[in-house]
């Protein structure tokens, strides 16, 4: 069976894992659901543009839904606040 390997940061995975646990599903179920959505909507220009946009910014940034998202504290050379998600 062919497979797709998705490399994500610890901050991205912890966010996906937390949401999967809340739904009582595996993180892979969330990933497959996202792929299913995109593949069903791929003919829409907005989705195609979003794919290209994400490919470009992902090289240097984390998505807003990830934990920490390379917070402003890191930008200001301070310590990240790991007291909760997205803080």
N, C-alpha and C. Protein backbone atom coordinates (compact mmCIF):
# COMPACT_ATOMS: atom_id res chain seq x y z
N UNK A 1 0.84 -1.17 0.00
CA UNK A 1 0.00 0.00 0.00
C UNK A 1 0.89 1.24 0.00
N UNK A 2 0.67 2.19 -0.90
CA UNK A 2 1.44 3.43 -0.89
C UNK A 2 1.18 4.22 0.40
N UNK A 3 2.14 5.03 0.78
CA UNK A 3 1.92 5.86 1.97
C UNK A 3 2.50 7.24 1.74
N UNK A 4 1.96 8.17 2.46
CA UNK A 4 2.44 9.55 2.47
C UNK A 4 3.00 9.81 3.86
N UNK A 5 4.22 10.29 3.93
CA UNK A 5 4.83 10.61 5.21
C UNK A 5 4.74 12.12 5.40
N UNK A 6 4.18 12.52 6.50
CA UNK A 6 4.01 13.94 6.81
C UNK A 6 4.94 14.30 7.96
N UNK A 7 5.85 15.21 7.71
CA UNK A 7 6.78 15.65 8.75
C UNK A 7 6.24 16.93 9.35
N UNK A 8 5.95 16.89 10.66
CA UNK A 8 5.45 18.08 11.35
C UNK A 8 6.28 18.31 12.61
N UNK A 9 6.26 19.54 13.08
CA UNK A 9 7.03 19.89 14.27
C UNK A 9 6.36 19.32 15.52
N UNK A 10 7.08 19.32 16.62
CA UNK A 10 6.52 18.89 17.90
C UNK A 10 5.31 19.74 18.28
N UNK A 11 5.40 21.06 18.02
CA UNK A 11 4.30 21.97 18.36
C UNK A 11 3.05 21.65 17.53
N UNK A 12 3.24 21.31 16.27
CA UNK A 12 2.10 20.94 15.43
C UNK A 12 1.51 19.61 15.89
N UNK A 13 2.37 18.64 16.16
CA UNK A 13 1.87 17.33 16.56
C UNK A 13 1.13 17.38 17.88
N UNK A 14 1.65 18.12 18.85
CA UNK A 14 0.99 18.15 20.16
C UNK A 14 -0.42 18.75 20.05
N UNK A 15 -0.58 19.72 19.17
CA UNK A 15 -1.90 20.31 18.96
C UNK A 15 -2.84 19.31 18.29
N UNK A 16 -2.36 18.63 17.26
CA UNK A 16 -3.18 17.61 16.57
C UNK A 16 -3.53 16.49 17.53
N UNK A 17 -2.56 16.03 18.30
CA UNK A 17 -2.78 14.92 19.24
C UNK A 17 -3.82 15.29 20.29
N UNK A 18 -3.74 16.48 20.83
CA UNK A 18 -4.70 16.93 21.84
C UNK A 18 -6.12 16.94 21.28
N UNK A 19 -6.26 17.43 20.05
CA UNK A 19 -7.59 17.48 19.44
C UNK A 19 -8.08 16.08 19.08
N UNK A 20 -7.19 15.21 18.64
CA UNK A 20 -7.57 13.83 18.34
C UNK A 20 -8.03 13.12 19.62
N UNK A 21 -7.29 13.33 20.70
CA UNK A 21 -7.68 12.71 21.98
C UNK A 21 -9.06 13.19 22.41
N UNK A 22 -9.34 14.47 22.22
CA UNK A 22 -10.64 15.02 22.60
C UNK A 22 -11.78 14.39 21.80
N UNK A 23 -11.49 14.00 20.56
CA UNK A 23 -12.49 13.36 19.70
C UNK A 23 -12.47 11.84 19.79
N UNK A 24 -11.51 11.29 20.56
CA UNK A 24 -11.32 9.85 20.70
C UNK A 24 -11.03 9.19 19.35
N UNK A 25 -10.13 9.85 18.59
CA UNK A 25 -9.65 9.32 17.31
C UNK A 25 -8.13 9.40 17.30
N UNK A 26 -7.52 8.82 16.30
CA UNK A 26 -6.06 8.88 16.14
C UNK A 26 -5.68 10.17 15.40
N UNK A 27 -4.47 10.68 15.64
CA UNK A 27 -4.01 11.85 14.87
C UNK A 27 -4.10 11.61 13.36
N UNK A 28 -3.86 10.37 12.94
CA UNK A 28 -3.95 10.03 11.52
C UNK A 28 -5.35 10.26 10.96
N UNK A 29 -6.38 10.08 11.81
CA UNK A 29 -7.75 10.33 11.37
C UNK A 29 -7.96 11.80 11.04
N UNK A 30 -7.36 12.67 11.83
CA UNK A 30 -7.46 14.10 11.55
C UNK A 30 -6.71 14.44 10.27
N UNK A 31 -5.52 13.88 10.10
CA UNK A 31 -4.74 14.13 8.87
C UNK A 31 -5.50 13.65 7.64
N UNK A 32 -6.07 12.46 7.73
CA UNK A 32 -6.81 11.92 6.58
C UNK A 32 -8.05 12.76 6.29
N UNK A 33 -8.71 13.24 7.34
CA UNK A 33 -9.88 14.10 7.15
C UNK A 33 -9.50 15.39 6.43
N UNK A 34 -8.35 15.95 6.79
CA UNK A 34 -7.87 17.15 6.10
C UNK A 34 -7.57 16.87 4.64
N UNK A 35 -6.93 15.75 4.38
CA UNK A 35 -6.64 15.36 3.00
C UNK A 35 -7.94 15.13 2.22
N UNK A 36 -8.89 14.48 2.84
CA UNK A 36 -10.18 14.24 2.21
C UNK A 36 -10.86 15.56 1.83
N UNK A 37 -10.84 16.51 2.76
CA UNK A 37 -11.45 17.82 2.49
C UNK A 37 -10.78 18.50 1.29
N UNK A 38 -9.45 18.55 1.33
CA UNK A 38 -8.71 19.22 0.26
C UNK A 38 -8.94 18.54 -1.08
N UNK A 39 -8.90 17.24 -1.11
CA UNK A 39 -9.08 16.52 -2.38
C UNK A 39 -10.48 16.72 -2.95
N UNK A 40 -11.48 16.85 -2.08
CA UNK A 40 -12.84 17.10 -2.56
C UNK A 40 -13.04 18.53 -3.04
N UNK A 41 -12.18 19.44 -2.60
CA UNK A 41 -12.33 20.86 -2.94
C UNK A 41 -11.21 21.37 -3.86
N UNK A 42 -10.36 20.49 -4.35
CA UNK A 42 -9.15 20.87 -5.08
C UNK A 42 -9.42 21.67 -6.35
N UNK A 43 -10.62 21.57 -6.89
CA UNK A 43 -10.92 22.33 -8.12
C UNK A 43 -11.21 23.80 -7.83
N UNK A 44 -11.42 24.14 -6.57
CA UNK A 44 -11.66 25.54 -6.22
C UNK A 44 -10.34 26.31 -6.20
N UNK A 45 -10.32 27.46 -6.85
CA UNK A 45 -9.10 28.27 -6.91
C UNK A 45 -8.58 28.63 -5.53
N UNK A 46 -9.48 28.91 -4.59
CA UNK A 46 -9.05 29.30 -3.24
C UNK A 46 -8.24 28.18 -2.57
N UNK A 47 -8.67 26.96 -2.77
CA UNK A 47 -7.96 25.82 -2.16
C UNK A 47 -6.61 25.63 -2.83
N UNK A 48 -6.56 25.71 -4.14
CA UNK A 48 -5.28 25.55 -4.84
C UNK A 48 -4.31 26.65 -4.43
N UNK A 49 -4.79 27.88 -4.31
CA UNK A 49 -3.94 28.99 -3.88
C UNK A 49 -3.46 28.79 -2.44
N UNK A 50 -4.35 28.28 -1.58
CA UNK A 50 -3.98 28.03 -0.19
C UNK A 50 -2.87 26.98 -0.09
N UNK A 51 -2.94 25.95 -0.91
CA UNK A 51 -1.90 24.92 -0.91
C UNK A 51 -0.55 25.54 -1.27
N UNK A 52 -0.53 26.36 -2.30
CA UNK A 52 0.73 27.01 -2.69
C UNK A 52 1.22 27.97 -1.62
N UNK A 53 0.31 28.70 -1.02
CA UNK A 53 0.66 29.66 0.04
C UNK A 53 1.26 28.92 1.25
N UNK A 54 0.61 27.86 1.68
CA UNK A 54 1.09 27.11 2.84
C UNK A 54 2.45 26.48 2.55
N UNK A 55 2.62 25.95 1.35
CA UNK A 55 3.92 25.36 1.00
C UNK A 55 5.04 26.38 1.19
N UNK A 56 4.79 27.62 0.82
CA UNK A 56 5.83 28.64 0.91
C UNK A 56 6.08 29.10 2.34
N UNK A 57 5.05 29.40 3.12
CA UNK A 57 5.31 29.92 4.46
C UNK A 57 5.69 28.85 5.45
N UNK A 58 5.37 27.59 5.18
CA UNK A 58 5.67 26.53 6.13
C UNK A 58 7.16 26.33 6.35
N UNK A 59 7.96 26.75 5.40
CA UNK A 59 9.41 26.62 5.54
C UNK A 59 9.96 27.42 6.71
N UNK A 60 9.26 28.47 7.11
CA UNK A 60 9.78 29.35 8.16
C UNK A 60 8.82 29.59 9.32
N UNK A 61 7.60 29.10 9.24
CA UNK A 61 6.61 29.42 10.26
C UNK A 61 5.81 28.20 10.67
N UNK A 62 5.18 28.33 11.83
CA UNK A 62 4.23 27.32 12.28
C UNK A 62 2.82 27.88 12.07
N UNK A 63 1.84 27.02 11.86
CA UNK A 63 0.47 27.51 11.71
C UNK A 63 -0.07 28.04 13.03
N UNK A 64 -1.08 28.89 12.95
CA UNK A 64 -1.67 29.47 14.17
C UNK A 64 -2.25 28.41 15.09
N UNK A 65 -2.67 27.27 14.55
CA UNK A 65 -3.29 26.24 15.38
C UNK A 65 -2.27 25.40 16.15
N UNK A 66 -1.00 25.55 15.87
CA UNK A 66 0.01 24.75 16.58
C UNK A 66 0.27 25.33 17.97
N UNK A 67 0.82 24.50 18.83
CA UNK A 67 1.20 24.97 20.16
C UNK A 67 2.42 25.86 20.05
N UNK A 68 2.41 26.98 20.69
CA UNK A 68 3.49 27.96 20.73
C UNK A 68 3.57 28.82 19.47
N UNK A 69 3.51 28.20 18.31
CA UNK A 69 3.60 28.90 17.02
C UNK A 69 4.77 29.88 17.00
N UNK A 70 5.89 29.44 17.57
CA UNK A 70 7.09 30.27 17.62
C UNK A 70 6.72 31.67 18.09
N UNK A 71 6.25 31.71 19.30
CA UNK A 71 5.62 32.89 19.89
C UNK A 71 6.48 34.14 19.85
N UNK A 72 5.84 35.25 20.16
CA UNK A 72 6.51 36.55 20.21
C UNK A 72 7.66 36.51 21.21
N UNK A 73 7.50 35.73 22.29
CA UNK A 73 8.58 35.63 23.27
C UNK A 73 9.87 35.15 22.61
N UNK A 74 9.76 34.17 21.75
CA UNK A 74 10.95 33.66 21.06
C UNK A 74 11.51 34.73 20.14
N UNK A 75 10.63 35.45 19.49
CA UNK A 75 11.06 36.52 18.59
C UNK A 75 11.82 37.60 19.35
N UNK A 76 11.38 37.87 20.59
CA UNK A 76 12.03 38.90 21.40
C UNK A 76 13.17 38.34 22.25
N UNK A 77 13.62 37.13 21.92
CA UNK A 77 14.73 36.46 22.61
C UNK A 77 14.39 36.12 24.05
N UNK A 78 13.11 36.09 24.38
CA UNK A 78 12.69 35.67 25.71
C UNK A 78 12.41 34.18 25.69
N UNK A 79 11.96 33.67 26.82
CA UNK A 79 11.61 32.26 26.90
C UNK A 79 10.16 32.07 26.53
N UNK A 80 9.87 30.98 25.84
CA UNK A 80 8.48 30.67 25.50
C UNK A 80 7.69 30.37 26.77
N UNK A 81 6.45 30.80 26.78
CA UNK A 81 5.54 30.50 27.87
C UNK A 81 4.83 29.20 27.51
N UNK A 82 5.17 28.10 28.16
CA UNK A 82 4.57 26.81 27.85
C UNK A 82 3.47 26.45 28.83
N UNK A 83 2.82 27.46 29.42
CA UNK A 83 1.80 27.18 30.39
C UNK A 83 0.50 26.67 29.79
N UNK A 84 0.35 26.79 28.48
CA UNK A 84 -0.86 26.29 27.84
C UNK A 84 -0.75 26.40 26.34
N UNK A 85 -1.72 25.82 25.65
CA UNK A 85 -1.67 25.86 24.18
C UNK A 85 -1.76 27.26 23.62
N UNK A 86 -0.89 27.55 22.66
CA UNK A 86 -0.93 28.82 21.96
C UNK A 86 -0.57 30.03 22.80
N UNK A 87 -0.01 29.82 23.98
CA UNK A 87 0.33 30.96 24.84
C UNK A 87 1.78 31.30 24.75
